[in-house]
C-alpha atoms as a PDB file:
ATOM      1  CA  MET A   1     105.647 104.715  74.403  1.00  0.00           C
ATOM      2  CA  ILE A   2     106.113 101.626  76.560  1.00  0.00           C
ATOM      3  CA  ASN A   3     105.235  98.941  74.010  1.00  0.00           C
ATOM      4  CA  ARG A   4     105.583  96.080  76.472  1.00  0.00           C
ATOM      5  CA  HIS A   5     103.396  93.133  77.318  1.00  0.00           C
ATOM      6  CA  SER A   6     102.113  92.620  80.825  1.00  0.00           C
ATOM      7  CA  ASP A   7     102.996  89.594  82.887  1.00  0.00           C
ATOM      8  CA  VAL A   8     101.851  86.718  80.652  1.00  0.00           C
ATOM      9  CA  SER A   9     101.485  84.454  83.683  1.00  0.00           C
ATOM     10  CA  MET A  10      98.329  86.395  84.571  1.00  0.00           C
ATOM     11  CA  GLU A  11      96.790  85.292  81.293  1.00  0.00           C
ATOM     12  CA  LEU A  12      98.030  81.715  81.540  1.00  0.00           C
ATOM     13  CA  LEU A  13      97.051  81.184  85.165  1.00  0.00           C
ATOM     14  CA  PHE A  14      93.709  82.954  85.111  1.00  0.00           C
ATOM     15  CA  PRO A  15      92.177  82.863  81.623  1.00  0.00           C
ATOM     16  CA  ALA A  16      88.651  83.384  82.991  1.00  0.00           C
ATOM     17  CA  GLU A  17      89.605  86.693  84.615  1.00  0.00           C
ATOM     18  CA  TRP A  18      92.106  87.826  82.001  1.00  0.00           C
ATOM     19  CA  ASN A  19      89.725  89.495  79.560  1.00  0.00           C
ATOM     20  CA  THR A  20      88.274  91.637  82.333  1.00  0.00           C
ATOM     21  CA  TRP A  21      91.704  92.526  83.717  1.00  0.00           C
ATOM     22  CA  LYS A  22      93.061  93.264  80.246  1.00  0.00           C
ATOM     23  CA  ALA A  23      90.155  95.612  79.517  1.00  0.00           C
ATOM     24  CA  GLU A  24      90.793  97.426  82.806  1.00  0.00           C
ATOM     25  CA  LEU A  25      94.456  97.911  81.904  1.00  0.00           C
ATOM     26  CA  GLU A  26      93.662  99.048  78.366  1.00  0.00           C
ATOM     27  CA  HIS A  27      91.482 101.884  79.664  1.00  0.00           C
ATOM     28  CA  CYS A  28      92.655 102.537  83.199  1.00  0.00           C
ATOM     29  CA  MET A  29      90.051 104.084  85.482  1.00  0.00           C
ATOM     30  CA  ALA A  30      91.334 102.316  88.596  1.00  0.00           C
ATOM     31  CA  CYS A  31      91.704 105.387  90.780  1.00  0.00           C
ATOM     32  CA  PRO A  32      90.049 108.806  91.050  1.00  0.00           C
ATOM     33  CA  ARG A  33      92.558 110.292  88.576  1.00  0.00           C
ATOM     34  CA  GLN A  34      90.522 108.554  85.821  1.00  0.00           C
ATOM     35  CA  CYS A  35      93.397 108.801  83.315  1.00  0.00           C
ATOM     36  CA  GLY A  36      91.880 106.357  80.824  1.00  0.00           C
ATOM     37  CA  VAL A  37      95.298 105.363  79.420  1.00  0.00           C
ATOM     38  CA  ASN A  38      96.245 102.032  77.862  1.00  0.00           C
ATOM     39  CA  ARG A  39      98.816 100.822  80.348  1.00  0.00           C
ATOM     40  CA  PHE A  40     100.254  98.315  77.888  1.00  0.00           C
ATOM     41  CA  TYR A  41     101.651 101.250  75.921  1.00  0.00           C
ATOM     42  CA  GLU A  42     101.586 104.375  78.105  1.00  0.00           C
ATOM     43  CA  THR A  43     101.297 105.517  81.684  1.00  0.00           C
ATOM     44  CA  GLY A  44      98.976 107.984  83.385  1.00  0.00           C
ATOM     45  CA  TYR A  45      99.379 110.055  86.536  1.00  0.00           C
ATOM     46  CA  CYS A  46     100.915 107.206  88.554  1.00  0.00           C
ATOM     47  CA  LYS A  47     103.626 106.480  85.929  1.00  0.00           C
ATOM     48  CA  THR A  48     102.923 102.750  86.268  1.00  0.00           C
ATOM     49  CA  ASP A  49     102.543 100.265  83.414  1.00  0.00           C
ATOM     50  CA  ALA A  50     100.773  96.906  83.234  1.00  0.00           C
ATOM     51  CA  TRP A  51     103.404  94.891  85.116  1.00  0.00           C
ATOM     52  CA  CYS A  52     103.596  94.091  88.817  1.00  0.00           C
ATOM     53  CA  ASN A  53     105.688  97.084  89.882  1.00  0.00           C
ATOM     54  CA  ILE A  54     106.885  96.254  93.375  1.00  0.00           C
ATOM     55  CA  SER A  55     109.559  97.892  95.482  1.00  0.00           C
ATOM     56  CA  SER A  56     109.653  95.473  98.390  1.00  0.00           C
ATOM     57  CA  ILE A  57     107.994  92.348  99.755  1.00  0.00           C
ATOM     58  CA  CYS A  58     108.971  92.035 103.383  1.00  0.00           C
ATOM     59  CA  VAL A  59     107.930  91.215 106.925  1.00  0.00           C
ATOM     60  CA  HIS A  60     106.676  94.348 108.648  1.00  0.00           C
ATOM     61  CA  ARG A  61     106.066  94.497 112.394  1.00  0.00           C
ATOM     62  CA  GLY A  62     105.195  98.183 112.561  1.00  0.00           C
ATOM     63  CA  GLU A  63     101.504  98.100 111.717  1.00  0.00           C
ATOM     64  CA  GLU A  64      98.752  98.217 114.345  1.00  0.00           C
ATOM     65  CA  PRO A  65      99.147  95.377 116.894  1.00  0.00           C
ATOM     66  CA  SER A  66      96.061  93.576 115.610  1.00  0.00           C
ATOM     67  CA  VAL A  67      97.281  93.801 112.005  1.00  0.00           C
ATOM     68  CA  SER A  68     100.932  92.800 112.186  1.00  0.00           C
ATOM     69  CA  GLY A  69     101.099  90.943 115.486  1.00  0.00           C
ATOM     70  CA  PRO A  70     104.410  89.759 116.940  1.00  0.00           C
ATOM     71  CA  GLY A  71     105.267  87.757 113.814  1.00  0.00           C
ATOM     72  CA  GLY A  72     104.680  90.634 111.430  1.00  0.00           C
ATOM     73  CA  ILE A  73     102.633  90.898 108.266  1.00  0.00           C
ATOM     74  CA  CYS A  74     103.921  90.197 104.770  1.00  0.00           C
ATOM     75  CA  ASN A  75     103.654  93.644 103.187  1.00  0.00           C
ATOM     76  CA  VAL A  76     103.772  94.198  99.432  1.00  0.00           C
ATOM     77  CA  PHE A  77     104.999  97.737  98.755  1.00  0.00           C
ATOM     78  CA  PHE A  78     103.974  98.837  95.279  1.00  0.00           C
ATOM     79  CA  THR A  79     106.026 101.452  93.464  1.00  0.00           C
ATOM     80  CA  HIS A  80     104.634 104.935  92.821  1.00  0.00           C
ATOM     81  CA  CYS A  81     101.325 106.268  94.076  1.00  0.00           C
ATOM     82  CA  ASN A  82      98.194 108.097  92.961  1.00  0.00           C
ATOM     83  CA  LEU A  83      98.841 110.747  95.636  1.00  0.00           C
ATOM     84  CA  GLN A  84     101.974 112.854  95.879  1.00  0.00           C
ATOM     85  CA  CYS A  85     102.139 113.801  99.547  1.00  0.00           C
ATOM     86  CA  LEU A  86     105.000 116.216 100.165  1.00  0.00           C
ATOM     87  CA  TYR A  87     105.784 114.586 103.514  1.00  0.00           C
ATOM     88  CA  CYS A  88     105.449 110.885 102.551  1.00  0.00           C
ATOM     89  CA  GLN A  89     107.713 108.672 104.666  1.00  0.00           C
ATOM     90  CA  ASN A  90     107.872 106.244 101.720  1.00  0.00           C
ATOM     91  CA  HIS A  91     108.979 108.950  99.280  1.00  0.00           C
ATOM     92  CA  GLN A  92     111.826 106.774  97.977  1.00  0.00           C
ATOM     93  CA  ILE A  93     109.250 104.597  96.243  1.00  0.00           C
ATOM     94  CA  SER A  94     106.160 106.805  96.005  1.00  0.00           C
ATOM     95  CA  ARG A  95     107.439 110.001  94.408  1.00  0.00           C
ATOM     96  CA  LEU A  96     106.859 109.998  90.659  1.00  0.00           C
ATOM     97  CA  ASN A  97     110.183 111.679  89.912  1.00  0.00           C
ATOM     98  CA  GLU A  98     112.215 109.866  92.542  1.00  0.00           C
ATOM     99  CA  ALA A  99     111.210 106.204  92.728  1.00  0.00           C
ATOM    100  CA  LYS A 100     114.078 104.124  91.399  1.00  0.00           C
ATOM    101  CA  GLN A 101     113.935 101.039  93.570  1.00  0.00           C
ATOM    102  CA  GLY A 102     110.857  99.547  91.914  1.00  0.00           C
ATOM    103  CA  THR A 103     111.176  96.276  90.052  1.00  0.00           C
ATOM    104  CA  ARG A 104     108.878  94.634  87.545  1.00  0.00           C
ATOM    105  CA  ILE A 105     108.287  91.194  89.039  1.00  0.00           C
ATOM    106  CA  SER A 106     106.403  88.335  87.455  1.00  0.00           C
ATOM    107  CA  LEU A 107     103.238  87.123  89.123  1.00  0.00           C
ATOM    108  CA  ALA A 108     104.855  83.731  89.685  1.00  0.00           C
ATOM    109  CA  ASP A 109     107.915  85.215  91.442  1.00  0.00           C
ATOM    110  CA  THR A 110     105.740  87.559  93.490  1.00  0.00           C
ATOM    111  CA  THR A 111     103.589  84.654  94.637  1.00  0.00           C
ATOM    112  CA  ARG A 112     106.605  82.501  95.539  1.00  0.00           C
ATOM    113  CA  HIS A 113     108.116  85.302  97.607  1.00  0.00           C
ATOM    114  CA  ILE A 114     104.886  85.942  99.513  1.00  0.00           C
ATOM    115  CA  ILE A 115     104.328  82.251 100.203  1.00  0.00           C
ATOM    116  CA  SER A 116     107.881  81.930 101.550  1.00  0.00           C
ATOM    117  CA  LEU A 117     107.091  84.671 104.086  1.00  0.00           C
ATOM    118  CA  LEU A 118     103.786  83.025 104.978  1.00  0.00           C
ATOM    119  CA  ASP A 119     105.748  79.834 105.598  1.00  0.00           C
ATOM    120  CA  SER A 120     108.108  81.776 107.891  1.00  0.00           C
ATOM    121  CA  GLY A 121     105.222  82.744 110.178  1.00  0.00           C
ATOM    122  CA  CYS A 122     103.365  85.700 108.662  1.00  0.00           C
ATOM    123  CA  ARG A 123      99.622  85.299 109.017  1.00  0.00           C
ATOM    124  CA  GLY A 124      98.488  88.056 106.670  1.00  0.00           C
ATOM    125  CA  VAL A 125      99.386  89.807 103.424  1.00  0.00           C
ATOM    126  CA  GLY A 126      99.127  93.578 103.211  1.00  0.00           C
ATOM    127  CA  PHE A 127      99.059  95.598  99.996  1.00  0.00           C
ATOM    128  CA  VAL A 128     100.484  99.075 100.574  1.00  0.00           C
ATOM    129  CA  SER A 129      99.226 101.924  98.347  1.00  0.00           C
ATOM    130  CA  PRO A 130      97.561  99.484  95.935  1.00  0.00           C
ATOM    131  CA  GLY A 131      95.011 101.838  94.347  1.00  0.00           C
ATOM    132  CA  HIS A 132      96.928 102.228  91.088  1.00  0.00           C
ATOM    133  CA  GLN A 133      97.824  98.516  90.778  1.00  0.00           C
ATOM    134  CA  LEU A 134      94.441  96.920  91.366  1.00  0.00           C
ATOM    135  CA  VAL A 135      94.618  94.361  88.573  1.00  0.00           C
ATOM    136  CA  GLN A 136      98.027  93.247  89.769  1.00  0.00           C
ATOM    137  CA  MET A 137      96.779  93.011  93.360  1.00  0.00           C
ATOM    138  CA  LYS A 138      93.741  90.964  92.326  1.00  0.00           C
ATOM    139  CA  ALA A 139      95.990  88.606  90.365  1.00  0.00           C
ATOM    140  CA  ILE A 140      98.303  88.158  93.358  1.00  0.00           C
ATOM    141  CA  ILE A 141      95.353  87.339  95.624  1.00  0.00           C
ATOM    142  CA  ARG A 142      94.004  84.816  93.112  1.00  0.00           C
ATOM    143  CA  ALA A 143      97.442  83.240  92.719  1.00  0.00           C
ATOM    144  CA  ILE A 144      97.964  82.844  96.473  1.00  0.00           C
ATOM    145  CA  ARG A 145      94.536  81.287  96.895  1.00  0.00           C
ATOM    146  CA  HIS A 146      95.175  79.110  93.826  1.00  0.00           C
ATOM    147  CA  ALA A 147      98.244  77.811  95.674  1.00  0.00           C
ATOM    148  CA  GLY A 148      95.982  76.663  98.509  1.00  0.00           C
ATOM    149  CA  ARG A 149      96.757  79.500 100.915  1.00  0.00           C
ATOM    150  CA  ASN A 150      94.149  81.672 102.599  1.00  0.00           C
ATOM    151  CA  PRO A 151      95.889  84.415 104.584  1.00  0.00           C
ATOM    152  CA  VAL A 152      94.152  87.556 105.819  1.00  0.00           C
ATOM    153  CA  PHE A 153      94.378  90.096 102.987  1.00  0.00           C
ATOM    154  CA  VAL A 154      94.759  93.728 104.080  1.00  0.00           C
ATOM    155  CA  TYR A 155      94.065  96.693 101.791  1.00  0.00           C
ATOM    156  CA  ASN A 156      96.437  99.347 103.177  1.00  0.00           C
ATOM    157  CA  SER A 157      95.246 102.396 101.267  1.00  0.00           C
ATOM    158  CA  ASN A 158      95.808 106.158 101.221  1.00  0.00           C
ATOM    159  CA  GLY A 159      92.021 106.573 101.113  1.00  0.00           C
ATOM    160  CA  TYR A 160      92.051 107.963  97.570  1.00  0.00           C
ATOM    161  CA  ASP A 161      89.914 105.177  96.084  1.00  0.00           C
ATOM    162  CA  THR A 162      86.704 105.181  94.102  1.00  0.00           C
ATOM    163  CA  ALA A 163      83.654 103.482  95.568  1.00  0.00           C
ATOM    164  CA  ASP A 164      83.302 101.441  92.348  1.00  0.00           C
ATOM    165  CA  THR A 165      86.830 100.120  92.799  1.00  0.00           C
ATOM    166  CA  LEU A 166      86.119  99.118  96.379  1.00  0.00           C
ATOM    167  CA  ARG A 167      82.909  97.338  95.395  1.00  0.00           C
ATOM    168  CA  SER A 168      84.970  95.204  93.004  1.00  0.00           C
ATOM    169  CA  LEU A 169      87.081  94.072  95.981  1.00  0.00           C
ATOM    170  CA  GLU A 170      84.189  92.726  98.036  1.00  0.00           C
ATOM    171  CA  GLY A 171      84.985  89.137  98.927  1.00  0.00           C
ATOM    172  CA  LEU A 172      88.682  89.584  98.118  1.00  0.00           C
ATOM    173  CA  ILE A 173      89.774  91.902 100.932  1.00  0.00           C
ATOM    174  CA  ASP A 174      89.432  90.877 104.574  1.00  0.00           C
ATOM    175  CA  VAL A 175      90.619  94.023 106.336  1.00  0.00           C
ATOM    176  CA  PHE A 176      90.378  97.555 104.998  1.00  0.00           C
ATOM    177  CA  LEU A 177      93.111  99.769 106.472  1.00  0.00           C
ATOM    178  CA  PRO A 178      92.621 103.184 104.834  1.00  0.00           C
ATOM    179  CA  ASP A 179      94.056 106.567 105.678  1.00  0.00           C
ATOM    180  CA  PHE A 180      91.714 109.492 106.062  1.00  0.00           C
ATOM    181  CA  LYS A 181      94.212 112.300 105.604  1.00  0.00           C
ATOM    182  CA  TYR A 182      92.181 115.417 105.023  1.00  0.00           C
ATOM    183  CA  ILE A 183      88.710 116.812 105.184  1.00  0.00           C
ATOM    184  CA  ASP A 184      90.070 120.114 103.814  1.00  0.00           C
ATOM    185  CA  ASP A 185      90.473 119.968 100.023  1.00  0.00           C
ATOM    186  CA  ASN A 186      92.694 123.056  99.944  1.00  0.00           C
ATOM    187  CA  LEU A 187      95.106 121.262 102.237  1.00  0.00           C
ATOM    188  CA  ALA A 188      94.829 118.110 100.126  1.00  0.00           C
ATOM    189  CA  LEU A 189      95.675 120.077  96.982  1.00  0.00           C
ATOM    190  CA  ARG A 190      98.643 121.871  98.518  1.00  0.00           C
ATOM    191  CA  TRP A 191     100.170 118.862 100.242  1.00  0.00           C
ATOM    192  CA  SER A 192      99.018 115.841  98.182  1.00  0.00           C
ATOM    193  CA  ASP A 193      98.045 117.197  94.730  1.00  0.00           C
ATOM    194  CA  ALA A 194      94.440 115.993  95.095  1.00  0.00           C
ATOM    195  CA  SER A 195      91.872 118.782  95.099  1.00  0.00           C
ATOM    196  CA  ASN A 196      88.970 116.313  95.482  1.00  0.00           C
ATOM    197  CA  TYR A 197      90.498 114.140  98.187  1.00  0.00           C
ATOM    198  CA  ALA A 198      87.904 114.819 100.889  1.00  0.00           C
ATOM    199  CA  GLU A 199      84.810 113.862  98.918  1.00  0.00           C
ATOM    200  CA  VAL A 200      86.544 110.876  97.325  1.00  0.00           C
ATOM    201  CA  ALA A 201      87.757 109.597 100.694  1.00  0.00           C
ATOM    202  CA  LYS A 202      84.354 110.105 102.320  1.00  0.00           C
ATOM    203  CA  SER A 203      82.704 108.061  99.571  1.00  0.00           C
ATOM    204  CA  ALA A 204      85.403 105.395  99.860  1.00  0.00           C
ATOM    205  CA  LEU A 205      84.975 105.136 103.623  1.00  0.00           C
ATOM    206  CA  ARG A 206      81.213 104.836 103.293  1.00  0.00           C
ATOM    207  CA  GLU A 207      81.704 101.904 100.912  1.00  0.00           C
ATOM    208  CA  MET A 208      84.228 100.207 103.186  1.00  0.00           C
ATOM    209  CA  PHE A 209      81.842 100.717 106.101  1.00  0.00           C
ATOM    210  CA  ARG A 210      79.005  99.201 104.060  1.00  0.00           C
ATOM    211  CA  GLN A 211      81.084  96.087 103.515  1.00  0.00           C
ATOM    212  CA  LYS A 212      82.582  95.703 106.986  1.00  0.00           C
ATOM    213  CA  GLY A 213      80.559  97.788 109.435  1.00  0.00           C
ATOM    214  CA  SER A 214      82.029  99.024 112.714  1.00  0.00           C
ATOM    215  CA  SER A 215      83.131  95.679 114.142  1.00  0.00           C
ATOM    216  CA  VAL A 216      86.504  94.045 113.676  1.00  0.00           C
ATOM    217  CA  VAL A 217      86.551  90.263 113.911  1.00  0.00           C
ATOM    218  CA  PHE A 218      89.568  89.053 115.872  1.00  0.00           C
ATOM    219  CA  GLY A 219      90.998  85.555 115.850  1.00  0.00           C
ATOM    220  CA  ASP A 220      92.033  83.563 118.908  1.00  0.00           C
ATOM    221  CA  ASP A 221      95.507  85.083 118.538  1.00  0.00           C
ATOM    222  CA  GLY A 222      94.124  88.618 118.776  1.00  0.00           C
ATOM    223  CA  LEU A 223      94.810  89.450 115.141  1.00  0.00           C
ATOM    224  CA  ALA A 224      92.179  91.032 112.915  1.00  0.00           C
ATOM    225  CA  GLU A 225      90.523  88.630 110.500  1.00  0.00           C
ATOM    226  CA  SER A 226      87.915  90.985 109.036  1.00  0.00           C
ATOM    227  CA  GLY A 227      86.862  94.595 109.407  1.00  0.00           C
ATOM    228  CA  LEU A 228      87.633  98.259 108.912  1.00  0.00           C
ATOM    229  CA  ILE A 229      90.360 100.245 110.692  1.00  0.00           C
ATOM    230  CA  ILE A 230      90.712 103.915 109.744  1.00  0.00           C
ATOM    231  CA  ARG A 231      94.070 105.611 110.174  1.00  0.00           C
ATOM    232  CA  HIS A 232      94.599 109.314 110.678  1.00  0.00           C
ATOM    233  CA  LEU A 233      97.999 110.993 110.890  1.00  0.00           C
ATOM    234  CA  VAL A 234      97.996 114.226 112.874  1.00  0.00           C
ATOM    235  CA  LEU A 235      99.947 116.838 110.911  1.00  0.00           C
ATOM    236  CA  PRO A 236     101.791 119.869 112.319  1.00  0.00           C
ATOM    237  CA  GLY A 237      99.544 122.892 112.689  1.00  0.00           C
ATOM    238  CA  GLN A 238      96.433 121.075 111.439  1.00  0.00           C
ATOM    239  CA  VAL A 239      94.520 120.252 114.611  1.00  0.00           C
ATOM    240  CA  GLN A 240      91.205 121.434 113.159  1.00  0.00           C
ATOM    241  CA  ASN A 241      91.598 119.150 110.138  1.00  0.00           C
ATOM    242  CA  SER A 242      92.123 116.204 112.496  1.00  0.00           C
ATOM    243  CA  ILE A 243      89.136 117.136 114.652  1.00  0.00           C
ATOM    244  CA  ASP A 244      86.910 117.439 111.576  1.00  0.00           C
ATOM    245  CA  VAL A 245      88.124 114.058 110.299  1.00  0.00           C
ATOM    246  CA  LEU A 246      87.186 112.394 113.592  1.00  0.00           C
ATOM    247  CA  GLN A 247      83.853 114.178 113.663  1.00  0.00           C
ATOM    248  CA  PHE A 248      82.993 112.858 110.196  1.00  0.00           C
ATOM    249  CA  ILE A 249      83.846 109.294 111.200  1.00  0.00           C
ATOM    250  CA  ALA A 250      81.809 109.483 114.406  1.00  0.00           C
ATOM    251  CA  GLU A 251      78.775 111.238 112.939  1.00  0.00           C
ATOM    252  CA  GLU A 252      78.619 109.883 109.378  1.00  0.00           C
ATOM    253  CA  LEU A 253      79.846 106.335 110.001  1.00  0.00           C
ATOM    254  CA  SER A 254      79.874 105.369 113.683  1.00  0.00           C
ATOM    255  CA  PRO A 255      81.801 106.286 116.842  1.00  0.00           C
ATOM    256  CA  ARG A 256      82.352 102.538 117.186  1.00  0.00           C
ATOM    257  CA  VAL A 257      84.593 102.371 114.114  1.00  0.00           C
ATOM    258  CA  TYR A 258      88.153 101.370 114.990  1.00  0.00           C
ATOM    259  CA  VAL A 259      90.492 104.342 114.561  1.00  0.00           C
ATOM    260  CA  SER A 260      94.274 104.421 114.652  1.00  0.00           C
ATOM    261  CA  LEU A 261      95.296 107.949 115.649  1.00  0.00           C
ATOM    262  CA  MET A 262      98.925 108.429 114.673  1.00  0.00           C
ATOM    263  CA  SER A 263     101.511 110.829 116.065  1.00  0.00           C
ATOM    264  CA  GLN A 264     104.403 109.423 114.024  1.00  0.00           C
ATOM    265  CA  TYR A 265     104.774 112.395 111.664  1.00  0.00           C
ATOM    266  CA  TYR A 266     108.344 113.491 111.101  1.00  0.00           C
ATOM    267  CA  PRO A 267     109.789 115.831 108.460  1.00  0.00           C
ATOM    268  CA  THR A 268     111.584 113.865 105.755  1.00  0.00           C
ATOM    269  CA  SER A 269     114.518 115.277 103.833  1.00  0.00           C
ATOM    270  CA  LEU A 270     112.071 116.648 101.254  1.00  0.00           C
ATOM    271  CA  VAL A 271     110.359 119.033 103.692  1.00  0.00           C
ATOM    272  CA  THR A 272     113.112 120.102 106.100  1.00  0.00           C
ATOM    273  CA  LYS A 273     112.752 123.677 104.791  1.00  0.00           C
ATOM    274  CA  HIS A 274     108.985 123.693 104.300  1.00  0.00           C
ATOM    275  CA  PRO A 275     107.379 126.525 106.311  1.00  0.00           C
ATOM    276  CA  GLU A 276     104.693 124.259 107.811  1.00  0.00           C
ATOM    277  CA  LEU A 277     105.923 120.686 107.479  1.00  0.00           C
ATOM    278  CA  SER A 278     109.488 121.071 108.748  1.00  0.00           C
ATOM    279  CA  ARG A 279     108.662 120.230 112.377  1.00  0.00           C
ATOM    280  CA  ARG A 280     107.170 117.360 114.359  1.00  0.00           C
ATOM    281  CA  ILE A 281     103.781 117.800 115.981  1.00  0.00           C
ATOM    282  CA  TYR A 282     103.559 119.360 119.416  1.00  0.00           C
ATOM    283  CA  VAL A 283     102.336 117.468 122.461  1.00  0.00           C
ATOM    284  CA  LYS A 284      99.495 119.963 122.901  1.00  0.00           C
ATOM    285  CA  GLU A 285      98.361 119.374 119.290  1.00  0.00           C
ATOM    286  CA  TYR A 286      98.128 115.626 119.701  1.00  0.00           C
ATOM    287  CA  ASP A 287      96.481 115.959 123.111  1.00  0.00           C
ATOM    288  CA  ARG A 288      93.757 118.197 121.660  1.00  0.00           C
ATOM    289  CA  VAL A 289      92.974 115.675 118.935  1.00  0.00           C
ATOM    290  CA  ARG A 290      93.034 112.759 121.359  1.00  0.00           C
ATOM    291  CA  SER A 291      90.690 114.632 123.701  1.00  0.00           C
ATOM    292  CA  LYS A 292      88.266 115.197 120.827  1.00  0.00           C
ATOM    293  CA  MET A 293      88.374 111.503 120.053  1.00  0.00           C
ATOM    294  CA  GLN A 294      87.310 110.720 123.613  1.00  0.00           C
ATOM    295  CA  GLU A 295      84.664 113.452 123.577  1.00  0.00           C
ATOM    296  CA  LEU A 296      83.110 111.860 120.483  1.00  0.00           C
ATOM    297  CA  GLY A 297      82.900 108.505 122.264  1.00  0.00           C
ATOM    298  CA  MET A 298      85.527 106.888 120.029  1.00  0.00           C
ATOM    299  CA  PHE A 299      87.131 104.344 122.322  1.00  0.00           C
ATOM    300  CA  ARG A 300      87.907 101.587 119.822  1.00  0.00           C
ATOM    301  CA  GLY A 301      91.344 101.659 118.288  1.00  0.00           C
ATOM    302  CA  TRP A 302      94.839 102.835 119.070  1.00  0.00           C
ATOM    303  CA  VAL A 303      96.795 105.976 119.885  1.00  0.00           C
ATOM    304  CA  GLN A 304     100.551 106.389 119.623  1.00  0.00           C
ATOM    305  CA  GLU A 305     103.187 107.736 121.943  1.00  0.00           C
ATOM    306  CA  LEU A 306     104.719 111.018 120.787  1.00  0.00           C
ATOM    307  CA  ALA A 307     108.117 109.329 120.456  1.00  0.00           C
ATOM    308  CA  SER A 308     106.722 106.926 117.841  1.00  0.00           C
ATOM    309  CA  HIS A 309     108.131 109.032 114.994  1.00  0.00           C
ATOM    310  CA  SER A 310     111.579 107.548 115.671  1.00  0.00           C
ATOM    311  CA  HIS A 311     110.333 104.013 114.940  1.00  0.00           C
ATOM    312  CA  TYR A 312     108.763 104.534 111.488  1.00  0.00           C
ATOM    313  CA  ARG A 313     111.603 105.568 109.201  1.00  0.00           C
ATOM    314  CA  PRO A 314     111.954 103.083 106.360  1.00  0.00           C
ATOM    315  CA  ASP A 315     114.894 102.958 103.985  1.00  0.00           C
ATOM    316  CA  PHE A 316     113.850 101.329 100.724  1.00  0.00           C
ATOM    317  CA  GLY A 317     117.442 101.274  99.574  1.00  0.00           C
ATOM    318  CA  GLN A 318     117.966  98.382 102.008  1.00  0.00           C
ATOM    319  CA  ASP A 319     116.929  94.759 101.528  1.00  0.00           C
ATOM    320  CA  HIS A 320     114.634  95.136 104.531  1.00  0.00           C
ATOM    321  CA  PRO A 321     113.301  98.726 104.655  1.00  0.00           C
ATOM    322  CA  PHE A 322     112.275  98.620 108.326  1.00  0.00           C
ATOM    323  CA  GLU A 323     115.285  96.896 109.884  1.00  0.00           C
ATOM    324  CA  HIS A 324     118.361  99.066 109.538  1.00  0.00           C
END
């Protein structure tokens, strides 16, 4: 039993919202796991309580060019996750039995840290894997706006979100940046412990598309100010999954949706002996998926070079995970 109080500054700073947030934390249905636990006293699947559980707040220049830009985005990396992907590059902070770098940070300290990075030149604030810390994310957004700042807020999600949750974010989030990992639930169960991932993600994407449509609004500096960008990571041996993902986006949403097709997969230390995940993707695999993207008329977005895997290897044991 946890038997702790949440960050009291949430209650003091935002009394009007507090009763709603408190009720959400007392019966947590934030993500598709629908645990229903009281996070003031226990934890559900994500092993996260009612505090702001954050591993790192840092400048990150490795997102899509229109998201991070040359100055980088201020990314807030939450600890733990509502998916448990075997191959996660952020496994140091996402694995439920491994994450040790997470720190409970007050809302006031979190806000001060983010504002200091905005002052250093970051134009946006990204929340990475926020689906299990929605109340905390909403409080951070309110606090930053309360301080007179209005950065671009990016919801950098694994795609495992409920449509109801996403509706509650309308007007708070400027750019949705979800993954669409699988359209094959058997694959999702084996590799991410989520047997209903495909249907959940489809519903989530439809809701994001309802809010933002297929257009991304860019500022004079070329950075995204509003819109939807869907990411898909091509996995070794799973070309058909990738093709089916793209086909869903093109046919069920729009071929004009911005897509970031990623080749950056690399086997982490956790999967070096896995029979399917222990290798990088082949050139011919990525080329087949990229060709399908063109065939579907999907010309908005980004593709990666095959060597990109060497540039996306964070170490959350360092003060700055992406500069080591």
